Amino acid sequence: MIDTQAARARHKTRHKARDMAQDLTKALNDHCLWKRELRAAAVYQKRDLPISRICRDDCCAFGRWLHQLPPSIRHSAEAQTVEHLHAQFHRAAGAVAEMIVDGHYDQALSSLATGGYPQVSAALTREVVQWKMKMLVAAS
C-alpha cells in the first residue's frame, strides 16, 4: 500500500512538472510574438498601442500564471529570477511601444534589434529554459 501511494505521488509530481514545463514553453512562444508585433507596428506606423498595458507584467497570461503560482514555487530562486526578468521584458517592450506611439519608428526598430529589448528577451528566454529543464530533471 505504501509503495502504491509513493508511486502515485511520484507520478503526480512528474505530471505537475510536465504541465508547468508546457506552461513555460507556451509563455516563451507567446513572448516571441511581441517582437514581431512591435516590429510590424513600427514598420506600418501603427500608433494606437496600449503602452500602459504593454508595460505591465501582470496583463499577459504568463504574468498572471507567475503571480498565481503557489508560494512554495513562486518564492523559489528560479521563479523570482524569471518574474524579475519578465517585468523587465515588459518595461522594455513598453519603451519600444512608446517610441512607436511617439512616431520614432526607426528608433523603435533599432531598439528591437540592438537595444535593451533583445538583451532582456534573451535573458528571460535563457532563464525560463533553465527553470523548465531543472523542473523536468527533478521530476524524472
Protein backbone atom coordinates (compact mmCIF):
# COMPACT_ATOMS: atom_id res chain seq x y z
CA MET A 1 0.00 0.00 0.00
CA ILE A 2 2.76 2.45 0.88
CA ASP A 3 4.64 1.67 -2.35
CA THR A 4 1.48 2.35 -4.35
CA GLN A 5 0.98 5.70 -2.60
CA ALA A 6 4.61 6.62 -3.19
CA ALA A 7 4.30 5.66 -6.86
CA ARG A 8 1.15 7.77 -7.20
CA ALA A 9 2.88 10.72 -5.56
CA ARG A 10 5.88 10.42 -7.92
CA HIS A 11 3.53 10.18 -10.91
CA LYS A 12 1.61 13.25 -9.75
CA THR A 13 4.86 15.20 -9.26
CA ARG A 14 6.10 14.21 -12.75
CA HIS A 15 2.74 15.16 -14.28
CA LYS A 16 2.73 18.53 -12.50
CA ALA A 17 6.31 19.23 -13.65
CA ARG A 18 5.38 18.39 -17.24
CA ASP A 19 2.35 20.70 -17.04
CA MET A 20 4.49 23.53 -15.70
CA ALA A 21 7.09 22.89 -18.41
CA GLN A 22 4.35 23.13 -21.04
CA ASP A 23 3.16 26.41 -19.50
CA LEU A 24 6.71 27.76 -19.68
CA THR A 25 7.05 26.69 -23.31
CA LYS A 26 3.78 28.43 -24.18
CA ALA A 27 4.95 31.56 -22.39
CA LEU A 28 8.17 31.62 -24.42
CA ASN A 29 6.24 31.21 -27.65
CA ASP A 30 3.77 33.96 -26.73
CA HIS A 31 6.55 36.37 -25.79
CA CYS A 32 8.44 35.70 -29.03
CA LEU A 33 5.43 37.16 -30.83
CA TRP A 34 5.94 40.52 -29.11
CA LYS A 35 8.99 41.35 -31.23
CA ARG A 36 7.10 40.57 -34.42
CA GLU A 37 4.08 42.63 -33.35
CA LEU A 38 6.20 45.60 -32.25
CA ARG A 39 8.26 45.45 -35.43
CA ALA A 40 5.08 45.37 -37.54
CA ALA A 41 3.68 48.32 -35.59
CA ALA A 42 6.86 50.31 -36.31
CA VAL A 43 7.05 49.32 -39.98
CA TYR A 44 3.35 50.06 -40.63
CA GLN A 45 3.38 53.08 -38.29
CA LYS A 46 0.59 51.78 -36.09
CA ARG A 47 0.47 54.31 -33.28
CA ASP A 48 -2.54 53.11 -31.29
CA LEU A 49 -0.60 50.79 -28.97
CA PRO A 50 -1.78 50.31 -25.35
CA ILE A 51 1.52 51.35 -23.73
CA SER A 52 0.26 51.19 -20.14
CA ARG A 53 -0.90 47.60 -20.69
CA ILE A 54 2.25 46.54 -22.56
CA CYS A 55 4.43 47.83 -19.70
CA ARG A 56 2.66 45.72 -17.09
CA ASP A 57 3.89 42.22 -16.35
CA ASP A 58 0.54 41.07 -14.98
CA CYS A 59 -1.59 41.72 -18.07
CA CYS A 60 -0.38 38.77 -20.11
CA ALA A 61 -1.25 35.12 -19.46
CA PHE A 62 2.30 34.28 -18.36
CA GLY A 63 2.40 37.16 -15.88
CA ARG A 64 -0.91 36.09 -14.37
CA TRP A 65 0.38 32.49 -14.23
CA LEU A 66 3.57 33.61 -12.46
CA HIS A 67 1.65 35.71 -9.93
CA GLN A 68 -0.72 32.82 -9.18
CA LEU A 69 1.92 30.16 -8.54
CA PRO A 70 1.78 28.55 -5.11
CA PRO A 71 4.16 30.31 -2.67
CA SER A 72 6.39 27.23 -2.48
CA ILE A 73 7.15 27.64 -6.20
CA ARG A 74 6.77 31.39 -6.57
CA HIS A 75 9.39 32.11 -3.91
CA SER A 76 11.98 29.79 -5.47
CA ALA A 77 15.12 31.41 -6.85
CA GLU A 78 14.17 30.36 -10.40
CA ALA A 79 10.67 31.82 -10.21
CA GLN A 80 11.95 35.05 -8.66
CA THR A 81 14.55 35.47 -11.40
CA VAL A 82 12.02 34.76 -14.15
CA GLU A 83 9.47 37.10 -12.58
CA HIS A 84 12.06 39.90 -12.37
CA LEU A 85 13.18 39.39 -16.00
CA HIS A 86 9.56 39.15 -17.15
CA ALA A 87 8.85 42.55 -15.60
CA GLN A 88 11.98 43.97 -17.29
CA PHE A 89 10.84 42.46 -20.58
CA HIS A 90 7.50 44.26 -20.37
CA ARG A 91 9.18 47.55 -19.48
CA ALA A 92 11.49 47.17 -22.50
CA ALA A 93 8.55 46.29 -24.77
CA GLY A 94 6.67 49.29 -23.37
CA ALA A 95 9.62 51.57 -24.12
CA VAL A 96 9.64 50.37 -27.74
CA ALA A 97 5.87 50.83 -27.95
CA GLU A 98 6.25 54.37 -26.63
CA MET A 99 8.79 55.15 -29.37
CA ILE A 100 6.30 53.89 -31.94
CA VAL A 101 3.41 55.90 -30.50
CA ASP A 102 5.65 58.99 -30.50
CA GLY A 103 6.42 58.42 -34.18
CA HIS A 104 10.06 57.38 -33.68
CA TYR A 105 9.77 54.32 -35.91
CA ASP A 106 13.44 53.97 -36.87
CA GLN A 107 14.49 54.31 -33.24
CA ALA A 108 11.97 51.62 -32.27
CA LEU A 109 13.25 49.27 -34.97
CA SER A 110 16.82 49.89 -33.85
CA SER A 111 15.89 49.24 -30.23
CA LEU A 112 14.25 45.96 -31.20
CA ALA A 113 17.45 44.90 -32.93
CA THR A 114 20.19 46.17 -30.63
CA GLY A 115 18.71 47.90 -27.59
CA GLY A 116 17.62 46.69 -24.20
CA TYR A 117 14.72 44.71 -25.61
CA PRO A 118 16.74 41.89 -27.25
CA GLN A 119 19.04 41.68 -24.24
CA VAL A 120 16.27 41.23 -21.69
CA SER A 121 14.34 38.98 -24.06
CA ALA A 122 17.36 36.67 -24.41
CA ALA A 123 17.94 36.67 -20.65
CA LEU A 124 14.28 35.83 -19.99
CA THR A 125 14.35 33.03 -22.55
CA ARG A 126 17.55 31.59 -21.08
CA GLU A 127 16.18 31.61 -17.52
CA VAL A 128 12.82 30.13 -18.49
CA VAL A 129 14.55 27.30 -20.37
CA GLN A 130 16.86 26.62 -17.43
CA TRP A 131 13.93 26.61 -15.00
CA LYS A 132 11.99 24.28 -17.24
CA MET A 133 14.93 21.87 -17.56
CA LYS A 134 15.59 21.89 -13.83
CA MET A 135 11.91 21.14 -13.20
CA LEU A 136 11.87 18.24 -15.65
CA VAL A 137 15.11 16.75 -14.33
CA ALA A 138 13.88 16.97 -10.73
CA ALA A 139 10.65 15.22 -11.66
CA SER A 140 12.31 12.34 -13.53
